[in-house]
Amino acid sequence: MGIGDKIENAKDKAAGEAKEKLGDAQDNPDLKAEGKAQKVEGNLKSAGENVKDAFQ
């Protein structure tokens, strides 16, 4: 897993967490859901890259 991929995945996780918290604070379920989805996407990408690295 390249450093660029790690940075992108961390950015997705952080941005998703921020959106989720902002959506919660503003009582905006759409923003909260969007943030949660982005955070999950970052986690899944990280997991996929870890699996790929394990087989190399």
N, C-alpha and C. Protein backbone atom coordinates (compact mmCIF):
# COMPACT_ATOMS: atom_id res chain seq x y z
N MET A 1 0.85 -1.17 0.00
CA MET A 1 0.00 0.00 0.00
C MET A 1 0.89 1.23 0.00
N GLY A 2 0.71 2.07 -0.99
CA GLY A 2 1.53 3.26 -1.09
C GLY A 2 1.12 4.32 -0.08
N ILE A 3 2.04 5.23 0.16
CA ILE A 3 1.78 6.30 1.11
C ILE A 3 0.63 7.19 0.63
N GLY A 4 0.52 7.36 -0.68
CA GLY A 4 -0.57 8.16 -1.24
C GLY A 4 -1.93 7.55 -0.92
N ASP A 5 -2.02 6.23 -1.03
CA ASP A 5 -3.27 5.53 -0.71
C ASP A 5 -3.61 5.68 0.77
N LYS A 6 -2.60 5.57 1.61
CA LYS A 6 -2.82 5.71 3.05
C LYS A 6 -3.35 7.11 3.39
N ILE A 7 -2.77 8.12 2.74
CA ILE A 7 -3.20 9.50 2.97
C ILE A 7 -4.64 9.69 2.50
N GLU A 8 -4.95 9.20 1.32
CA GLU A 8 -6.32 9.33 0.78
C GLU A 8 -7.34 8.64 1.68
N ASN A 9 -7.01 7.44 2.15
CA ASN A 9 -7.93 6.72 3.02
C ASN A 9 -8.12 7.45 4.35
N ALA A 10 -7.04 8.00 4.88
CA ALA A 10 -7.14 8.76 6.13
C ALA A 10 -7.96 10.02 5.93
N LYS A 11 -7.81 10.65 4.76
CA LYS A 11 -8.60 11.85 4.46
C LYS A 11 -10.08 11.51 4.38
N ASP A 12 -10.41 10.39 3.73
CA ASP A 12 -11.81 9.97 3.64
C ASP A 12 -12.39 9.72 5.03
N LYS A 13 -11.62 9.04 5.86
CA LYS A 13 -12.09 8.74 7.22
C LYS A 13 -12.31 10.03 8.01
N ALA A 14 -11.35 10.94 7.96
CA ALA A 14 -11.43 12.18 8.73
C ALA A 14 -12.57 13.07 8.22
N ALA A 15 -12.69 13.19 6.91
CA ALA A 15 -13.76 14.02 6.35
C ALA A 15 -15.12 13.42 6.67
N GLY A 16 -15.21 12.12 6.60
CA GLY A 16 -16.47 11.45 6.93
C GLY A 16 -16.84 11.65 8.39
N GLU A 17 -15.87 11.54 9.26
CA GLU A 17 -16.11 11.75 10.69
C GLU A 17 -16.58 13.18 10.95
N ALA A 18 -15.94 14.15 10.28
CA ALA A 18 -16.31 15.55 10.45
C ALA A 18 -17.74 15.80 9.95
N LYS A 19 -18.06 15.27 8.78
CA LYS A 19 -19.41 15.44 8.24
C LYS A 19 -20.45 14.80 9.15
N GLU A 20 -20.12 13.63 9.66
CA GLU A 20 -21.05 12.92 10.54
C GLU A 20 -21.32 13.75 11.81
N LYS A 21 -20.28 14.30 12.40
CA LYS A 21 -20.44 15.11 13.60
C LYS A 21 -21.18 16.41 13.30
N LEU A 22 -20.88 17.04 12.17
CA LEU A 22 -21.56 18.27 11.79
C LEU A 22 -23.04 18.00 11.53
N GLY A 23 -23.34 16.91 10.86
CA GLY A 23 -24.73 16.53 10.61
C GLY A 23 -25.47 16.27 11.89
N ASP A 24 -24.80 15.67 12.86
CA ASP A 24 -25.41 15.42 14.16
C ASP A 24 -25.66 16.73 14.90
N ALA A 25 -24.67 17.63 14.86
CA ALA A 25 -24.80 18.91 15.56
C ALA A 25 -25.89 19.78 14.94
N GLN A 26 -26.05 19.71 13.64
CA GLN A 26 -27.04 20.52 12.94
C GLN A 26 -28.38 19.80 12.79
N ASP A 27 -28.47 18.62 13.35
CA ASP A 27 -29.66 17.78 13.21
C ASP A 27 -30.03 17.60 11.73
N ASN A 28 -29.00 17.27 10.94
CA ASN A 28 -29.15 17.07 9.51
C ASN A 28 -28.86 15.60 9.20
N PRO A 29 -29.88 14.77 9.10
CA PRO A 29 -29.65 13.33 8.90
C PRO A 29 -28.98 13.01 7.56
N ASP A 30 -29.21 13.83 6.53
CA ASP A 30 -28.58 13.57 5.23
C ASP A 30 -27.07 13.76 5.31
N LEU A 31 -26.63 14.84 5.95
CA LEU A 31 -25.21 15.10 6.09
C LEU A 31 -24.56 14.05 6.98
N LYS A 32 -25.26 13.67 8.03
CA LYS A 32 -24.76 12.64 8.94
C LYS A 32 -24.57 11.31 8.18
N ALA A 33 -25.55 10.94 7.37
CA ALA A 33 -25.48 9.71 6.60
C ALA A 33 -24.36 9.77 5.56
N GLU A 34 -24.21 10.92 4.93
CA GLU A 34 -23.14 11.09 3.94
C GLU A 34 -21.77 10.94 4.60
N GLY A 35 -21.63 11.51 5.78
CA GLY A 35 -20.37 11.39 6.51
C GLY A 35 -20.08 9.96 6.92
N LYS A 36 -21.10 9.29 7.39
CA LYS A 36 -20.92 7.88 7.79
C LYS A 36 -20.51 7.03 6.59
N ALA A 37 -21.15 7.28 5.45
CA ALA A 37 -20.82 6.51 4.24
C ALA A 37 -19.39 6.78 3.80
N GLN A 38 -18.95 8.03 3.88
CA GLN A 38 -17.58 8.37 3.48
C GLN A 38 -16.57 7.73 4.43
N LYS A 39 -16.89 7.72 5.71
CA LYS A 39 -16.00 7.11 6.69
C LYS A 39 -15.89 5.60 6.45
N VAL A 40 -17.01 4.96 6.18
CA VAL A 40 -17.02 3.52 5.90
C VAL A 40 -16.23 3.22 4.63
N GLU A 41 -16.38 4.07 3.63
CA GLU A 41 -15.64 3.88 2.38
C GLU A 41 -14.13 3.93 2.62
N GLY A 42 -13.69 4.88 3.43
CA GLY A 42 -12.27 4.96 3.77
C GLY A 42 -11.79 3.73 4.50
N ASN A 43 -12.62 3.23 5.43
CA ASN A 43 -12.26 2.02 6.17
C ASN A 43 -12.18 0.81 5.26
N LEU A 44 -13.13 0.69 4.34
CA LEU A 44 -13.12 -0.44 3.41
C LEU A 44 -11.91 -0.41 2.48
N LYS A 45 -11.57 0.78 2.00
CA LYS A 45 -10.40 0.90 1.14
C LYS A 45 -9.14 0.49 1.89
N SER A 46 -9.03 0.93 3.14
CA SER A 46 -7.87 0.57 3.95
C SER A 46 -7.80 -0.94 4.15
N ALA A 47 -8.93 -1.54 4.44
CA ALA A 47 -8.97 -2.99 4.65
C ALA A 47 -8.57 -3.72 3.37
N GLY A 48 -9.07 -3.27 2.25
CA GLY A 48 -8.73 -3.89 0.96
C GLY A 48 -7.25 -3.79 0.65
N GLU A 49 -6.68 -2.63 0.92
CA GLU A 49 -5.25 -2.44 0.70
C GLU A 49 -4.43 -3.32 1.64
N ASN A 50 -4.88 -3.48 2.87
CA ASN A 50 -4.18 -4.34 3.83
C ASN A 50 -4.19 -5.80 3.38
N VAL A 51 -5.30 -6.25 2.85
CA VAL A 51 -5.41 -7.62 2.34
C VAL A 51 -4.47 -7.79 1.15
N LYS A 52 -4.49 -6.80 0.27
CA LYS A 52 -3.62 -6.87 -0.90
C LYS A 52 -2.16 -6.91 -0.50
N ASP A 53 -1.79 -6.11 0.50
CA ASP A 53 -0.41 -6.11 0.99
C ASP A 53 -0.02 -7.44 1.62
N ALA A 54 -0.97 -8.09 2.27
CA ALA A 54 -0.69 -9.36 2.93
C ALA A 54 -0.32 -10.46 1.93
N PHE A 55 -0.84 -10.35 0.71
CA PHE A 55 -0.56 -11.38 -0.30
C PHE A 55 0.64 -11.06 -1.17
N GLN A 56 1.30 -9.96 -0.89
CA GLN A 56 2.48 -9.61 -1.69
C GLN A 56 3.74 -10.10 -1.04
